[in-house]
N, C-alpha and C. Protein backbone atom coordinates (compact mmCIF):
# COMPACT_ATOMS: atom_id res chain seq x y z
N MET A 1 -10.09 23.67 -36.09
CA MET A 1 -11.08 23.83 -35.03
C MET A 1 -10.94 22.95 -34.04
N ARG A 2 -11.09 23.12 -32.72
CA ARG A 2 -11.09 22.16 -31.72
C ARG A 2 -12.43 21.55 -31.39
N SER A 3 -12.44 20.17 -31.27
CA SER A 3 -13.49 19.52 -31.17
C SER A 3 -13.75 19.13 -29.73
N LEU A 4 -15.09 19.19 -29.12
CA LEU A 4 -15.19 18.71 -27.92
C LEU A 4 -15.21 17.12 -27.90
N HIS A 5 -14.71 16.60 -26.65
CA HIS A 5 -14.94 15.21 -26.49
C HIS A 5 -15.31 15.04 -24.84
N ARG A 6 -15.84 13.81 -24.92
CA ARG A 6 -16.67 13.47 -23.67
C ARG A 6 -15.82 12.24 -22.91
N HIS A 7 -15.93 12.50 -21.72
CA HIS A 7 -15.23 11.57 -20.76
C HIS A 7 -16.26 10.88 -20.06
N LEU A 8 -16.10 9.40 -19.57
CA LEU A 8 -17.00 8.87 -18.72
C LEU A 8 -16.34 8.83 -17.52
N PHE A 9 -16.81 9.35 -16.23
CA PHE A 9 -16.12 9.33 -15.11
C PHE A 9 -16.75 7.88 -14.21
N PHE A 10 -15.80 7.37 -13.70
CA PHE A 10 -16.14 6.26 -12.75
C PHE A 10 -15.79 6.65 -11.28
N VAL A 11 -16.74 6.78 -10.44
CA VAL A 11 -16.57 7.33 -9.02
C VAL A 11 -16.61 6.20 -8.05
N GLU A 12 -15.87 6.00 -7.07
CA GLU A 12 -15.97 5.09 -6.02
C GLU A 12 -15.83 5.91 -4.49
N VAL A 13 -16.75 5.70 -3.73
CA VAL A 13 -16.83 6.22 -2.39
C VAL A 13 -16.60 5.48 -1.48
N THR A 14 -15.55 5.63 -0.49
CA THR A 14 -15.46 4.72 0.73
C THR A 14 -15.67 5.44 2.02
N THR A 15 -16.29 4.96 3.05
CA THR A 15 -16.39 5.60 4.27
C THR A 15 -16.12 4.23 5.44
N ALA A 16 -15.65 4.61 6.52
CA ALA A 16 -15.42 3.52 7.61
C ALA A 16 -16.77 3.38 8.07
N VAL A 17 -16.93 2.05 8.57
CA VAL A 17 -18.14 1.54 9.16
C VAL A 17 -17.92 1.11 10.30
N ASN A 18 -18.36 1.50 11.57
CA ASN A 18 -18.12 0.90 12.96
C ASN A 18 -18.94 -0.13 13.45
N HIS A 19 -19.90 -0.50 12.80
CA HIS A 19 -20.73 -1.69 13.24
C HIS A 19 -21.54 -2.07 11.95
N HIS A 20 -22.11 -3.14 12.03
CA HIS A 20 -22.72 -3.96 10.80
C HIS A 20 -24.20 -3.81 10.76
N GLU A 21 -24.60 -3.08 11.51
CA GLU A 21 -26.33 -2.93 11.56
C GLU A 21 -26.68 -1.43 10.86
N ARG A 22 -26.46 -1.16 9.48
CA ARG A 22 -26.77 -0.09 8.84
C ARG A 22 -26.47 1.12 9.56
N GLU A 23 -25.18 1.20 9.73
CA GLU A 23 -24.83 2.55 10.41
C GLU A 23 -24.97 3.67 9.27
N ILE A 24 -24.85 3.34 8.00
CA ILE A 24 -25.14 4.25 7.19
C ILE A 24 -25.80 3.46 5.88
N GLU A 25 -26.67 3.85 5.18
CA GLU A 25 -27.51 3.44 4.35
C GLU A 25 -26.97 3.50 3.07
N PHE A 26 -26.41 2.59 2.37
CA PHE A 26 -25.47 2.64 1.21
C PHE A 26 -26.39 3.36 -0.12
N HIS A 27 -27.59 2.94 -0.02
CA HIS A 27 -28.42 3.49 -1.18
C HIS A 27 -28.66 4.80 -0.92
N ASP A 28 -28.86 5.36 0.14
CA ASP A 28 -28.73 6.82 0.35
C ASP A 28 -27.59 7.46 0.08
N LEU A 29 -26.24 6.91 0.64
CA LEU A 29 -25.15 7.37 0.07
C LEU A 29 -24.96 7.60 -1.29
N LEU A 30 -25.32 6.69 -2.01
CA LEU A 30 -25.14 6.69 -3.44
C LEU A 30 -26.23 7.57 -4.20
N ASP A 31 -27.33 7.84 -3.65
CA ASP A 31 -28.19 8.85 -4.21
C ASP A 31 -27.64 10.34 -3.86
N THR A 32 -27.01 10.40 -2.66
CA THR A 32 -26.50 11.69 -2.16
C THR A 32 -25.17 12.00 -3.02
N ALA A 33 -24.40 10.98 -3.39
CA ALA A 33 -23.12 11.12 -3.87
C ALA A 33 -23.34 11.61 -5.52
N THR A 34 -24.55 10.90 -6.10
CA THR A 34 -24.85 11.03 -7.48
C THR A 34 -25.49 12.53 -7.65
N HIS A 35 -25.94 13.00 -6.51
CA HIS A 35 -26.78 14.39 -6.48
C HIS A 35 -25.60 15.41 -6.40
N LEU A 36 -24.41 15.16 -5.57
CA LEU A 36 -23.34 16.03 -5.44
C LEU A 36 -22.35 16.25 -6.42
N PHE A 37 -22.28 15.14 -7.14
CA PHE A 37 -21.23 15.07 -8.16
C PHE A 37 -21.53 15.66 -9.46
N LYS A 38 -20.86 16.89 -9.67
CA LYS A 38 -21.17 17.64 -10.83
C LYS A 38 -19.80 18.08 -11.68
N PRO A 39 -19.39 17.02 -12.58
CA PRO A 39 -18.14 17.12 -13.25
C PRO A 39 -18.07 18.29 -14.20
N GLN A 40 -17.11 19.07 -14.01
CA GLN A 40 -16.74 20.15 -15.36
C GLN A 40 -15.66 19.80 -16.27
N MET A 41 -15.70 19.87 -17.56
CA MET A 41 -14.69 19.54 -18.40
C MET A 41 -13.42 20.02 -18.09
N THR A 42 -13.33 20.94 -17.18
CA THR A 42 -12.10 21.55 -17.01
C THR A 42 -11.54 21.29 -15.66
N ASP A 43 -12.20 20.48 -14.96
CA ASP A 43 -11.80 19.92 -13.63
C ASP A 43 -10.92 18.59 -13.76
N SER A 44 -9.83 18.46 -13.13
CA SER A 44 -9.07 17.28 -13.04
C SER A 44 -9.73 16.28 -12.14
N CYS A 45 -9.40 14.79 -12.18
CA CYS A 45 -10.02 13.92 -11.56
C CYS A 45 -9.58 14.21 -10.07
N GLU A 46 -8.45 14.74 -9.66
CA GLU A 46 -8.23 15.24 -8.33
C GLU A 46 -9.17 16.26 -7.57
N THR A 47 -9.68 17.12 -8.76
CA THR A 47 -10.55 18.21 -8.11
C THR A 47 -11.87 17.42 -7.95
N LEU A 48 -12.42 16.86 -8.87
CA LEU A 48 -13.61 16.23 -8.80
C LEU A 48 -13.81 15.32 -7.32
N ALA A 49 -12.50 14.36 -7.21
CA ALA A 49 -12.63 13.56 -6.05
C ALA A 49 -12.67 14.69 -4.81
N TYR A 50 -11.88 15.52 -4.55
CA TYR A 50 -11.76 16.45 -3.49
C TYR A 50 -13.08 16.98 -3.26
N ASN A 51 -13.77 17.52 -4.28
CA ASN A 51 -14.91 18.33 -4.01
C ASN A 51 -16.02 17.43 -3.71
N LEU A 52 -15.98 16.16 -4.09
CA LEU A 52 -17.12 15.38 -3.88
C LEU A 52 -16.78 14.85 -2.21
N ALA A 53 -15.68 14.50 -1.84
CA ALA A 53 -15.33 14.21 -0.45
C ALA A 53 -15.67 15.17 0.35
N ARG A 54 -15.38 16.49 0.04
CA ARG A 54 -15.71 17.69 1.10
C ARG A 54 -17.27 17.85 1.13
N ASP A 55 -17.78 17.90 -0.06
CA ASP A 55 -19.32 17.89 0.03
C ASP A 55 -19.93 16.83 0.77
N LEU A 56 -19.60 15.53 0.59
CA LEU A 56 -20.33 14.36 1.29
C LEU A 56 -19.73 14.55 2.96
N ARG A 57 -18.49 15.03 3.17
CA ARG A 57 -18.04 15.38 4.47
C ARG A 57 -18.96 16.37 5.35
N SER A 58 -19.24 17.48 4.55
CA SER A 58 -20.29 18.43 5.12
C SER A 58 -21.62 17.87 5.23
N PHE A 59 -22.05 17.18 4.31
CA PHE A 59 -23.39 16.82 4.11
C PHE A 59 -23.60 15.76 5.34
N MET A 60 -22.77 14.63 5.50
CA MET A 60 -23.03 13.45 6.47
C MET A 60 -22.12 13.53 7.51
N GLU A 61 -21.26 14.57 7.70
CA GLU A 61 -20.41 14.56 8.97
C GLU A 61 -19.65 13.37 9.28
N ARG A 62 -18.89 12.82 8.27
CA ARG A 62 -17.91 11.72 8.39
C ARG A 62 -16.87 11.84 7.40
N GLY A 63 -15.77 11.07 7.53
CA GLY A 63 -14.69 11.11 6.68
C GLY A 63 -15.09 10.29 5.45
N PHE A 64 -14.55 10.51 4.13
CA PHE A 64 -14.70 9.85 3.06
C PHE A 64 -13.23 9.78 2.22
N ARG A 65 -13.29 8.53 1.53
CA ARG A 65 -12.12 8.60 0.47
C ARG A 65 -12.91 8.39 -0.92
N VAL A 66 -12.46 9.14 -1.68
CA VAL A 66 -13.15 9.27 -3.09
C VAL A 66 -12.29 9.14 -4.19
N SER A 67 -12.56 8.14 -5.10
CA SER A 67 -11.67 8.02 -6.27
C SER A 67 -12.31 8.36 -7.55
N VAL A 68 -11.80 8.92 -8.44
CA VAL A 68 -12.62 9.48 -9.66
C VAL A 68 -11.58 9.10 -10.81
N PHE A 69 -12.26 8.12 -11.67
CA PHE A 69 -11.34 7.68 -12.90
C PHE A 69 -11.89 8.32 -14.00
N GLU A 70 -11.15 8.67 -15.14
CA GLU A 70 -11.62 9.16 -16.37
C GLU A 70 -11.47 8.08 -17.38
N ASP A 71 -12.69 7.57 -17.80
CA ASP A 71 -12.70 6.43 -18.85
C ASP A 71 -12.44 5.25 -18.22
N ASN A 72 -12.46 5.16 -16.89
CA ASN A 72 -12.20 3.82 -16.23
C ASN A 72 -10.49 3.55 -16.36
N GLU A 73 -9.73 4.58 -16.71
CA GLU A 73 -8.21 4.28 -16.82
C GLU A 73 -7.32 4.93 -16.00
N CYS A 74 -7.46 6.17 -15.92
CA CYS A 74 -6.53 6.81 -14.93
C CYS A 74 -7.38 7.90 -14.06
N GLY A 75 -6.82 8.03 -12.90
CA GLY A 75 -7.65 8.80 -12.12
C GLY A 75 -6.90 9.18 -10.85
N ALA A 76 -7.63 9.62 -9.94
CA ALA A 76 -6.85 9.88 -8.57
C ALA A 76 -7.82 9.70 -7.36
N THR A 77 -7.20 9.52 -6.28
CA THR A 77 -7.86 9.13 -4.94
C THR A 77 -7.69 10.24 -3.83
N VAL A 78 -8.68 10.88 -3.31
CA VAL A 78 -8.49 11.90 -2.20
C VAL A 78 -9.25 11.48 -0.91
N GLU A 79 -8.61 11.71 0.16
CA GLU A 79 -9.38 11.49 1.42
C GLU A 79 -9.56 12.54 2.19
N VAL A 80 -10.79 12.88 2.77
CA VAL A 80 -10.94 14.16 3.60
C VAL A 80 -11.74 13.38 4.90
N GLU A 81 -11.15 13.93 6.14
CA GLU A 81 -11.33 13.43 7.37
C GLU A 81 -12.32 14.22 8.07
């Protein structure tokens, strides 16, 4: 019988900042990314990173680089402009 296992995903979101006076509120970005990140056990780190970057791009109308690591060991980075 196959047993389910659980992974902890570590996510890093990066975006360009063009000036230093709160062009983007990072706590709002954190809240939005947390809301949009919906991992499924069958999704790869590449898919999770792409989906989050795409959804953030649609929501905030700017480019993002998203890295997703499984158990903080191996992962993928995807950039959506």
